[in-house]
Amino acid sequence: MFIKVRVITGAPKEVITKKEDDLIEMYIREPAERNLANRRVLEVIREMYPNMPVRIVNGHHSPSKMIEVSAPKTNGNKY
């Protein structure tokens, strides 16, 4: 599943708003330097989708990001 995220960094208060099923707007406190904002974005998405792999696919240096949330990985053992 892919989620579009619009990030506003350096906000005085953290606010996460789900605009649509695949669109989230985030106001986060972390600045857009040293990858701090991207780390916080991934933390928030991981809280929303626990136990699922999450990664930034597109927009590492942009306020508009594309996040991939995958199905949980299994070890292939059914028993």
N, C-alpha and C. Protein backbone atom coordinates (compact mmCIF):
# COMPACT_ATOMS: atom_id res chain seq x y z
N MET A 1 0.85 -1.15 0.00
CA MET A 1 0.00 0.00 0.00
C MET A 1 0.90 1.23 0.00
N PHE A 2 0.50 2.24 -0.74
CA PHE A 2 1.26 3.48 -0.81
C PHE A 2 0.44 4.61 -0.18
N ILE A 3 1.14 5.47 0.56
CA ILE A 3 0.50 6.59 1.23
C ILE A 3 1.25 7.86 0.85
N LYS A 4 0.50 8.88 0.43
CA LYS A 4 1.10 10.19 0.15
C LYS A 4 1.11 10.98 1.44
N VAL A 5 2.25 11.59 1.75
CA VAL A 5 2.39 12.35 2.98
C VAL A 5 2.89 13.75 2.64
N ARG A 6 2.22 14.74 3.17
CA ARG A 6 2.66 16.14 3.05
C ARG A 6 3.19 16.56 4.41
N VAL A 7 4.46 16.95 4.49
CA VAL A 7 5.13 17.23 5.75
C VAL A 7 5.46 18.72 5.86
N ILE A 8 5.07 19.31 6.99
CA ILE A 8 5.45 20.67 7.32
C ILE A 8 6.34 20.57 8.56
N THR A 9 7.60 20.95 8.43
CA THR A 9 8.56 20.78 9.51
C THR A 9 8.68 22.04 10.37
N GLY A 10 9.24 21.88 11.55
CA GLY A 10 9.46 23.01 12.43
C GLY A 10 8.20 23.59 13.03
N ALA A 11 7.15 22.81 13.11
CA ALA A 11 5.88 23.29 13.66
C ALA A 11 5.98 23.40 15.19
N PRO A 12 5.28 24.35 15.78
CA PRO A 12 5.32 24.47 17.24
C PRO A 12 4.60 23.31 17.95
N LYS A 13 3.65 22.69 17.25
CA LYS A 13 2.87 21.59 17.82
C LYS A 13 2.74 20.50 16.77
N GLU A 14 2.85 19.24 17.18
CA GLU A 14 2.74 18.14 16.23
C GLU A 14 1.27 17.79 15.99
N VAL A 15 0.87 17.82 14.71
CA VAL A 15 -0.50 17.51 14.32
C VAL A 15 -0.46 16.59 13.11
N ILE A 16 -1.19 15.48 13.19
CA ILE A 16 -1.27 14.53 12.08
C ILE A 16 -2.74 14.46 11.66
N THR A 17 -3.00 14.73 10.39
CA THR A 17 -4.36 14.74 9.87
C THR A 17 -4.45 13.80 8.69
N LYS A 18 -5.39 12.86 8.75
CA LYS A 18 -5.63 11.95 7.64
C LYS A 18 -6.68 12.58 6.74
N LYS A 19 -6.26 13.09 5.58
CA LYS A 19 -7.15 13.77 4.65
C LYS A 19 -8.02 12.78 3.87
N GLU A 20 -7.38 11.71 3.41
CA GLU A 20 -8.06 10.64 2.67
C GLU A 20 -7.43 9.32 3.11
N ASP A 21 -7.89 8.22 2.54
CA ASP A 21 -7.32 6.92 2.90
C ASP A 21 -5.83 6.84 2.57
N ASP A 22 -5.42 7.52 1.52
CA ASP A 22 -4.02 7.44 1.09
C ASP A 22 -3.31 8.78 1.14
N LEU A 23 -3.83 9.74 1.93
CA LEU A 23 -3.21 11.06 2.03
C LEU A 23 -3.19 11.52 3.48
N ILE A 24 -1.99 11.83 3.98
CA ILE A 24 -1.82 12.29 5.36
C ILE A 24 -1.05 13.60 5.34
N GLU A 25 -1.49 14.52 6.18
CA GLU A 25 -0.77 15.78 6.35
C GLU A 25 -0.18 15.80 7.76
N MET A 26 1.12 16.10 7.85
CA MET A 26 1.81 16.08 9.14
C MET A 26 2.49 17.40 9.41
N TYR A 27 2.24 17.95 10.57
CA TYR A 27 3.00 19.07 11.10
C TYR A 27 3.87 18.48 12.20
N ILE A 28 5.18 18.51 12.01
CA ILE A 28 6.08 17.92 12.99
C ILE A 28 7.07 18.95 13.50
N ARG A 29 7.59 18.72 14.69
CA ARG A 29 8.51 19.67 15.33
C ARG A 29 9.92 19.60 14.78
N GLU A 30 10.34 18.44 14.33
CA GLU A 30 11.71 18.25 13.89
C GLU A 30 12.02 19.10 12.66
N PRO A 31 13.24 19.61 12.57
CA PRO A 31 13.63 20.38 11.39
C PRO A 31 13.96 19.47 10.22
N ALA A 32 13.96 20.05 9.04
CA ALA A 32 14.27 19.29 7.82
C ALA A 32 15.77 19.28 7.59
N GLU A 33 16.51 18.78 8.54
CA GLU A 33 17.96 18.68 8.41
C GLU A 33 18.44 17.42 9.12
N ARG A 34 19.54 16.87 8.63
CA ARG A 34 20.15 15.65 9.17
C ARG A 34 19.16 14.50 9.24
N ASN A 35 18.19 14.47 8.36
CA ASN A 35 17.21 13.39 8.24
C ASN A 35 16.28 13.28 9.45
N LEU A 36 16.22 14.30 10.28
CA LEU A 36 15.38 14.25 11.48
C LEU A 36 13.89 14.19 11.14
N ALA A 37 13.46 14.99 10.18
CA ALA A 37 12.04 15.00 9.81
C ALA A 37 11.62 13.67 9.20
N ASN A 38 12.45 13.11 8.33
CA ASN A 38 12.11 11.82 7.72
C ASN A 38 12.01 10.72 8.76
N ARG A 39 12.90 10.73 9.73
CA ARG A 39 12.84 9.71 10.80
C ARG A 39 11.54 9.83 11.58
N ARG A 40 11.13 11.07 11.90
CA ARG A 40 9.89 11.26 12.65
C ARG A 40 8.68 10.85 11.82
N VAL A 41 8.69 11.14 10.54
CA VAL A 41 7.59 10.72 9.66
C VAL A 41 7.45 9.21 9.69
N LEU A 42 8.57 8.49 9.57
CA LEU A 42 8.52 7.03 9.60
C LEU A 42 8.05 6.51 10.96
N GLU A 43 8.44 7.16 12.05
CA GLU A 43 7.98 6.75 13.39
C GLU A 43 6.46 6.86 13.49
N VAL A 44 5.91 7.96 13.00
CA VAL A 44 4.47 8.18 13.07
C VAL A 44 3.73 7.14 12.23
N ILE A 45 4.21 6.89 11.02
CA ILE A 45 3.55 5.89 10.15
C ILE A 45 3.64 4.51 10.78
N ARG A 46 4.78 4.18 11.40
CA ARG A 46 4.91 2.87 12.05
C ARG A 46 3.95 2.73 13.23
N GLU A 47 3.66 3.83 13.92
CA GLU A 47 2.67 3.78 14.99
C GLU A 47 1.26 3.53 14.43
N MET A 48 1.00 4.07 13.25
CA MET A 48 -0.31 3.88 12.62
C MET A 48 -0.48 2.47 12.07
N TYR A 49 0.62 1.88 11.60
CA TYR A 49 0.60 0.53 11.00
C TYR A 49 1.64 -0.33 11.71
N PRO A 50 1.36 -0.78 12.94
CA PRO A 50 2.36 -1.56 13.68
C PRO A 50 2.64 -2.91 13.03
N ASN A 51 3.85 -3.39 13.22
CA ASN A 51 4.31 -4.69 12.72
C ASN A 51 4.30 -4.79 11.20
N MET A 52 4.35 -3.65 10.52
CA MET A 52 4.40 -3.66 9.06
C MET A 52 5.63 -2.87 8.62
N PRO A 53 6.39 -3.39 7.67
CA PRO A 53 7.55 -2.63 7.16
C PRO A 53 7.12 -1.34 6.48
N VAL A 54 7.84 -0.26 6.78
CA VAL A 54 7.51 1.07 6.25
C VAL A 54 8.79 1.68 5.70
N ARG A 55 8.70 2.32 4.52
CA ARG A 55 9.87 2.99 3.96
C ARG A 55 9.43 4.14 3.07
N ILE A 56 10.32 5.12 2.93
CA ILE A 56 10.07 6.24 2.03
C ILE A 56 10.51 5.82 0.64
N VAL A 57 9.60 5.86 -0.31
CA VAL A 57 9.89 5.47 -1.68
C VAL A 57 10.34 6.66 -2.50
N ASN A 58 9.70 7.80 -2.28
CA ASN A 58 9.98 8.98 -3.08
C ASN A 58 9.81 10.22 -2.20
N GLY A 59 10.65 11.24 -2.41
CA GLY A 59 10.50 12.49 -1.71
C GLY A 59 11.37 12.64 -0.48
N HIS A 60 12.54 12.02 -0.49
CA HIS A 60 13.45 12.10 0.66
C HIS A 60 13.83 13.55 0.97
N HIS A 61 13.93 14.39 -0.03
CA HIS A 61 14.35 15.78 0.15
C HIS A 61 13.21 16.75 -0.15
N SER A 62 11.98 16.29 -0.07
CA SER A 62 10.83 17.09 -0.44
C SER A 62 9.76 17.03 0.66
N PRO A 63 8.92 18.05 0.78
CA PRO A 63 7.81 17.98 1.74
C PRO A 63 6.73 16.97 1.33
N SER A 64 6.67 16.64 0.05
CA SER A 64 5.71 15.64 -0.43
C SER A 64 6.43 14.31 -0.56
N LYS A 65 5.93 13.32 0.16
CA LYS A 65 6.60 12.02 0.20
C LYS A 65 5.64 10.91 -0.18
N MET A 66 6.20 9.83 -0.70
CA MET A 66 5.44 8.62 -0.98
C MET A 66 6.00 7.55 -0.04
N ILE A 67 5.13 6.99 0.79
CA ILE A 67 5.52 5.99 1.77
C ILE A 67 4.92 4.65 1.36
N GLU A 68 5.73 3.60 1.44
CA GLU A 68 5.24 2.25 1.17
C GLU A 68 5.08 1.52 2.49
N VAL A 69 3.88 0.97 2.70
CA VAL A 69 3.60 0.13 3.85
C VAL A 69 3.33 -1.26 3.30
N SER A 70 4.20 -2.21 3.65
CA SER A 70 4.11 -3.56 3.11
C SER A 70 3.41 -4.49 4.09
N ALA A 71 3.05 -5.66 3.59
CA ALA A 71 2.50 -6.70 4.44
C ALA A 71 3.60 -7.21 5.37
N PRO A 72 3.24 -7.64 6.56
CA PRO A 72 4.25 -8.14 7.48
C PRO A 72 4.99 -9.33 6.87
N LYS A 73 6.31 -9.36 7.10
CA LYS A 73 7.12 -10.45 6.57
C LYS A 73 7.00 -11.66 7.49
N THR A 74 6.93 -12.82 6.87
CA THR A 74 6.90 -14.07 7.63
C THR A 74 8.17 -14.83 7.34
N ASN A 75 8.47 -15.77 8.18
CA ASN A 75 9.69 -16.54 7.98
C ASN A 75 9.47 -17.73 7.03
N GLY A 76 8.29 -17.86 6.48
CA GLY A 76 8.01 -18.93 5.54
C GLY A 76 7.66 -20.25 6.20
N ASN A 77 7.66 -20.29 7.50
CA ASN A 77 7.35 -21.49 8.25
C ASN A 77 5.88 -21.44 8.67
N LYS A 78 5.08 -22.40 8.22
CA LYS A 78 3.65 -22.39 8.53
C LYS A 78 3.36 -23.01 9.89
N TYR A 79 4.31 -23.64 10.51
CA TYR A 79 4.08 -24.33 11.77
C TYR A 79 4.77 -23.70 12.92
